[in-house]
Amino acid sequence: MNSFFTVTGLTTGIIRPNDPFTERIIDAAEVACNGFKDGDILVLAETAVATAEGNVVMLETITPSSRARELAQQYRMDPRIAEVVINESDSIVGGIPGFLLCMKEGTLLPNAGVDASNAPPGCVVPLPVDPNASALRIKDEISRKCQAKIGVVVADSRTHAMRLGCSGVAIGCAGITSVIDDRGRCDLFGRKLEVTKRAVADNISSAAELVMGEADECTPAAIIRGLGMPIGNQKGVDSIAAEECLFMGVFRKCQK
């Protein structure tokens, strides 16, 4: 990969349910950096993707269950949001005031990814139903309309254990490899690397977060240009089983 690349935010205005999201991204790219070029990697905020796909929940339509009310009281939450989180989760493993810690599709994350930030008034936005499929669909649409071979990453912002603040995490990916295996390469002193794998899609997501923002920027996308990653037909974000994860292994032992 190249040592010099650029990160350009794409300003689209507010994204609403069923908006022509890809067209808005293409128009924003024309303004920001003269459109898409071969090798570009497009990073998209998951909330914008989910909203455009219509995956928005109006809280007035939600009737909290008894469990949702119990969790809401325990963790000082809106019972309706607690109900949405329960429905989006595989399991609830704990929480802190305002958030439930959930397992969802093999990942430990707050509120199962349900987001009230940048959601329409009175609504919350769950994660896209299938982020990898969303990334692939948008990649194919842009590649066809713009005649450019690009990669697409759907990114979320997450907290990490014992760290203050959020950074980017890839939850959907198409056109690039999400993880590069460096095992077998040598370090500065000739020792072979045994466990090192680079979370490329996560690192790209974090770079994009710097220009996309988390508040009222109306910049739900960014183009990474000049990185030099091969563009192909790859799809999906690589992950590991819970029993192979250091943090999850310790967490589960503490629960016993």
Protein backbone atom coordinates (compact mmCIF):
# COMPACT_ATOMS: atom_id res chain seq x y z
CA MET A 1 0.00 0.00 0.00
CA ASN A 2 1.13 3.54 -0.71
CA SER A 3 2.47 5.73 2.09
CA PHE A 4 0.64 8.83 0.82
CA PHE A 5 -3.12 9.03 0.41
CA THR A 6 -5.91 11.55 0.81
CA VAL A 7 -9.16 11.45 2.77
CA THR A 8 -11.99 13.61 1.40
CA GLY A 9 -15.33 14.05 3.14
CA LEU A 10 -18.52 13.96 1.06
CA THR A 11 -21.24 16.36 2.17
CA THR A 12 -24.72 15.19 1.16
CA GLY A 13 -27.18 17.08 3.32
CA ILE A 14 -29.61 15.19 5.52
CA ILE A 15 -30.33 11.64 4.37
CA ARG A 16 -33.95 10.54 4.76
CA PRO A 17 -35.62 7.14 4.38
CA ASN A 18 -35.73 5.90 0.80
CA ASP A 19 -33.58 8.77 -0.53
CA PRO A 20 -31.56 7.97 -3.69
CA PHE A 21 -28.48 7.52 -1.53
CA THR A 22 -26.05 6.38 -4.22
CA GLU A 23 -26.95 9.33 -6.45
CA ARG A 24 -26.38 11.71 -3.54
CA ILE A 25 -22.95 10.16 -2.95
CA ILE A 26 -22.02 10.40 -6.64
CA ASP A 27 -23.07 14.07 -6.77
CA ALA A 28 -21.11 14.85 -3.60
CA ALA A 29 -18.02 13.14 -5.00
CA GLU A 30 -18.21 15.27 -8.16
CA VAL A 31 -18.19 18.41 -6.04
CA ALA A 32 -15.54 17.29 -3.55
CA CYS A 33 -12.96 15.56 -5.75
CA ASN A 34 -14.09 15.46 -9.40
CA GLY A 35 -15.89 12.17 -9.04
CA PHE A 36 -14.77 8.59 -8.46
CA LYS A 37 -11.50 7.23 -9.80
CA ASP A 38 -10.17 3.68 -10.10
CA GLY A 39 -8.78 2.53 -6.76
CA ASP A 40 -10.92 4.83 -4.59
CA ILE A 41 -12.30 3.40 -1.37
CA LEU A 42 -15.65 4.83 -0.31
CA VAL A 43 -16.47 4.79 3.40
CA LEU A 44 -20.12 5.17 4.41
CA ALA A 45 -21.60 5.88 7.84
CA GLU A 46 -23.84 2.99 8.84
CA THR A 47 -26.61 5.30 10.10
CA ALA A 48 -26.89 6.98 6.71
CA VAL A 49 -26.95 3.62 4.91
CA ALA A 50 -29.61 2.21 7.24
CA THR A 51 -31.71 5.38 7.02
CA ALA A 52 -31.63 5.45 3.22
CA GLU A 53 -32.66 1.78 3.22
CA GLY A 54 -35.65 2.63 5.40
CA ASN A 55 -34.38 0.82 8.48
CA VAL A 56 -35.73 3.47 10.86
CA VAL A 57 -37.87 2.74 13.92
CA MET A 58 -40.47 5.25 15.13
CA LEU A 59 -40.52 5.01 18.91
CA GLU A 60 -44.22 5.86 19.10
CA THR A 61 -44.92 2.49 17.46
CA ILE A 62 -43.01 0.52 20.12
CA THR A 63 -44.73 -1.10 23.12
CA PRO A 64 -42.10 -2.03 25.71
CA SER A 65 -42.18 -5.54 27.13
CA SER A 66 -41.82 -6.21 30.84
CA ARG A 67 -38.17 -7.13 30.31
CA ALA A 68 -37.55 -3.88 28.44
CA ARG A 69 -39.10 -1.93 31.31
CA GLU A 70 -36.93 -3.76 33.84
CA LEU A 71 -33.74 -3.11 31.88
CA ALA A 72 -34.74 0.50 31.24
CA GLN A 73 -35.25 1.09 34.95
CA GLN A 74 -31.98 -0.64 35.83
CA TYR A 75 -29.91 1.24 33.26
CA ARG A 76 -31.86 4.51 33.09
CA MET A 77 -33.07 4.19 29.51
CA ASP A 78 -36.18 4.92 27.51
CA PRO A 79 -38.12 1.60 27.73
CA ARG A 80 -38.98 1.87 24.04
CA ILE A 81 -35.31 2.07 23.09
CA ALA A 82 -34.58 -0.86 25.38
CA GLU A 83 -37.25 -2.86 23.51
CA VAL A 84 -35.70 -2.05 20.13
CA VAL A 85 -32.27 -3.03 21.45
CA ILE A 86 -33.61 -6.35 22.75
CA ASN A 87 -35.14 -7.08 19.36
CA GLU A 88 -31.85 -6.29 17.60
CA SER A 89 -29.71 -8.36 20.00
CA ASP A 90 -28.82 -12.01 20.20
CA SER A 91 -28.39 -11.58 23.96
CA ILE A 92 -27.97 -8.89 26.63
CA VAL A 93 -24.88 -9.38 28.78
CA GLY A 94 -24.95 -6.25 30.95
CA GLY A 95 -24.96 -2.50 30.72
CA ILE A 96 -24.15 0.93 32.10
CA PRO A 97 -26.49 3.92 32.51
CA GLY A 98 -27.92 4.68 29.09
CA PHE A 99 -26.58 1.60 27.31
CA LEU A 100 -27.07 -2.14 27.15
CA LEU A 101 -24.08 -4.30 26.31
CA CYS A 102 -25.22 -6.79 23.69
CA MET A 103 -24.10 -9.73 21.62
CA LYS A 104 -25.12 -9.35 17.98
CA GLU A 105 -23.91 -11.67 15.24
CA GLY A 106 -20.79 -12.60 17.17
CA THR A 107 -19.89 -9.03 18.13
CA LEU A 108 -20.06 -7.35 21.52
CA LEU A 109 -21.39 -3.81 21.14
CA PRO A 110 -23.46 -1.18 22.96
CA ASN A 111 -27.19 -1.09 22.29
CA ALA A 112 -26.77 -3.64 19.48
CA GLY A 113 -25.80 -0.73 17.23
CA VAL A 114 -29.16 1.03 17.66
CA ASP A 115 -28.42 4.73 17.27
CA ALA A 116 -30.42 7.79 18.26
CA SER A 117 -27.75 10.19 16.99
CA ASN A 118 -28.49 11.55 13.52
CA ALA A 119 -31.84 9.76 13.55
CA PRO A 120 -35.05 11.63 12.64
CA PRO A 121 -36.90 13.13 15.65
CA GLY A 122 -38.70 10.45 17.66
CA CYS A 123 -36.82 7.66 15.91
CA VAL A 124 -33.84 5.39 16.32
CA VAL A 125 -31.81 3.71 13.57
CA PRO A 126 -30.62 0.10 13.91
CA LEU A 127 -27.67 -1.17 11.92
CA PRO A 128 -28.26 -1.97 8.25
CA VAL A 129 -29.91 -5.35 7.89
CA ASP A 130 -26.98 -6.72 5.84
CA PRO A 131 -24.03 -4.29 5.76
CA ASN A 132 -21.96 -6.48 3.42
CA ALA A 133 -24.83 -6.64 0.93
CA SER A 134 -25.28 -2.87 1.21
CA ALA A 135 -21.57 -2.30 0.52
CA LEU A 136 -21.67 -4.61 -2.50
CA ARG A 137 -24.82 -3.03 -3.93
CA ILE A 138 -23.47 0.52 -3.63
CA LYS A 139 -20.08 -0.55 -5.03
CA ASP A 140 -21.73 -2.11 -8.08
CA GLU A 141 -24.00 0.91 -8.65
CA ILE A 142 -21.13 3.40 -8.48
CA SER A 143 -18.83 1.22 -10.57
CA ARG A 144 -21.50 0.96 -13.27
CA LYS A 145 -22.53 4.62 -13.28
CA CYS A 146 -19.08 6.14 -12.86
CA GLN A 147 -16.99 3.56 -14.75
CA ALA A 148 -14.63 3.30 -11.78
CA LYS A 149 -13.37 0.26 -9.90
CA ILE A 150 -13.82 1.10 -6.22
CA GLY A 151 -14.06 -0.53 -2.81
CA VAL A 152 -16.79 0.27 -0.30
CA VAL A 153 -16.70 0.08 3.50
CA VAL A 154 -19.73 0.55 5.75
CA ALA A 155 -18.39 1.95 9.02
CA ASP A 156 -19.67 2.32 12.56
CA SER A 157 -18.10 4.25 15.43
CA ARG A 158 -17.42 2.17 18.51
CA THR A 159 -15.82 2.47 21.90
CA HIS A 160 -13.05 0.03 22.78
CA ALA A 161 -12.10 -1.63 26.05
CA MET A 162 -10.37 0.76 28.46
CA ARG A 163 -10.18 3.55 25.86
CA LEU A 164 -11.88 6.94 25.95
CA GLY A 165 -13.76 7.98 22.82
CA CYS A 166 -14.83 6.27 19.62
CA SER A 167 -13.01 5.09 16.53
CA GLY A 168 -14.14 3.59 13.26
CA VAL A 169 -15.00 -0.07 12.79
CA ALA A 170 -15.92 -1.70 9.48
CA ILE A 171 -19.20 -3.63 9.64
CA GLY A 172 -19.58 -4.14 5.89
CA CYS A 173 -17.06 -4.37 3.09
CA ALA A 174 -16.92 -5.02 -0.66
CA GLY A 175 -14.15 -4.78 -3.22
CA ILE A 176 -11.19 -4.88 -0.81
CA THR A 177 -9.70 -7.30 1.69
CA SER A 178 -10.77 -6.30 5.19
CA VAL A 179 -7.79 -7.92 6.96
CA ILE A 180 -4.24 -8.42 5.68
CA ASP A 181 -2.35 -11.36 7.13
CA ASP A 182 1.25 -10.39 7.90
CA ARG A 183 2.20 -13.70 9.49
CA GLY A 184 5.44 -15.02 8.05
CA ARG A 185 6.89 -11.59 7.33
CA CYS A 186 9.97 -10.53 9.28
CA ASP A 187 10.28 -7.67 11.75
CA LEU A 188 13.21 -5.22 11.92
CA PHE A 189 15.42 -7.86 13.52
CA GLY A 190 14.54 -10.77 11.27
CA ARG A 191 12.03 -12.46 13.59
CA LYS A 192 9.02 -13.90 11.79
CA LEU A 193 5.66 -12.46 12.74
CA GLU A 194 3.41 -15.16 14.20
CA VAL A 195 0.09 -13.49 14.99
CA THR A 196 0.02 -10.07 13.30
CA LYS A 197 -2.94 -9.32 11.06
CA ARG A 198 -3.74 -5.76 10.02
CA ALA A 199 -7.37 -4.69 10.31
CA VAL A 200 -7.20 -2.62 7.13
CA ALA A 201 -10.93 -1.91 6.78
CA ASP A 202 -11.12 -0.81 10.43
CA ASN A 203 -8.11 1.49 9.97
CA ILE A 204 -9.65 2.95 6.81
CA SER A 205 -12.88 3.52 8.75
CA SER A 206 -11.02 5.41 11.48
CA ALA A 207 -9.25 7.60 8.93
CA ALA A 208 -12.61 8.44 7.35
CA GLU A 209 -14.15 9.23 10.76
CA LEU A 210 -11.74 12.16 11.10
CA VAL A 211 -13.46 14.01 8.25
CA MET A 212 -16.98 12.56 8.52
CA GLY A 213 -17.62 13.64 12.11
CA GLU A 214 -20.31 12.52 14.55
CA ALA A 215 -22.54 15.60 14.89
CA ASP A 216 -24.21 17.94 12.38
CA GLU A 217 -21.58 17.85 9.64
CA CYS A 218 -23.91 16.18 7.07
CA THR A 219 -20.84 14.30 5.87
CA PRO A 220 -21.87 10.64 5.97
CA ALA A 221 -19.18 9.45 3.55
CA ALA A 222 -15.54 9.85 2.63
CA ILE A 223 -13.28 8.84 -0.22
CA ILE A 224 -9.86 7.38 0.53
CA ARG A 225 -7.72 7.99 -2.57
CA GLY A 226 -4.19 6.84 -3.37
CA LEU A 227 -3.93 3.99 -0.88
CA GLY A 228 -3.07 1.55 -3.66
CA MET A 229 -5.06 -1.41 -2.38
CA PRO A 230 -6.08 -3.95 -5.03
CA ILE A 231 -9.77 -3.69 -5.95
CA GLY A 232 -11.53 -6.97 -6.64
CA ASN A 233 -14.62 -9.01 -5.91
CA GLN A 234 -14.03 -9.53 -2.21
CA LYS A 235 -17.02 -9.23 0.09
CA GLY A 236 -17.36 -9.31 3.84
CA VAL A 237 -15.59 -8.31 7.04
CA ASP A 238 -13.34 -10.95 8.56
CA SER A 239 -14.03 -11.79 12.20
CA ILE A 240 -13.18 -14.50 14.71
CA ALA A 241 -15.21 -16.71 16.97
CA ALA A 242 -15.83 -15.48 20.52
CA GLU A 243 -13.71 -18.26 22.01
CA GLU A 244 -10.71 -17.05 19.97
CA CYS A 245 -11.04 -13.45 21.18
CA LEU A 246 -8.85 -12.36 24.11
CA PHE A 247 -11.42 -9.92 25.51
CA MET A 248 -14.40 -12.23 25.08
CA GLY A 249 -12.47 -15.14 26.60
CA VAL A 250 -11.68 -13.18 29.74
CA PHE A 251 -15.21 -11.73 29.84
CA ARG A 252 -16.82 -15.16 29.71
CA LYS A 253 -14.53 -16.50 32.44
CA CYS A 254 -15.51 -13.59 34.67
CA GLN A 255 -19.19 -14.36 34.09
CA LYS A 256 -18.83 -17.94 35.35
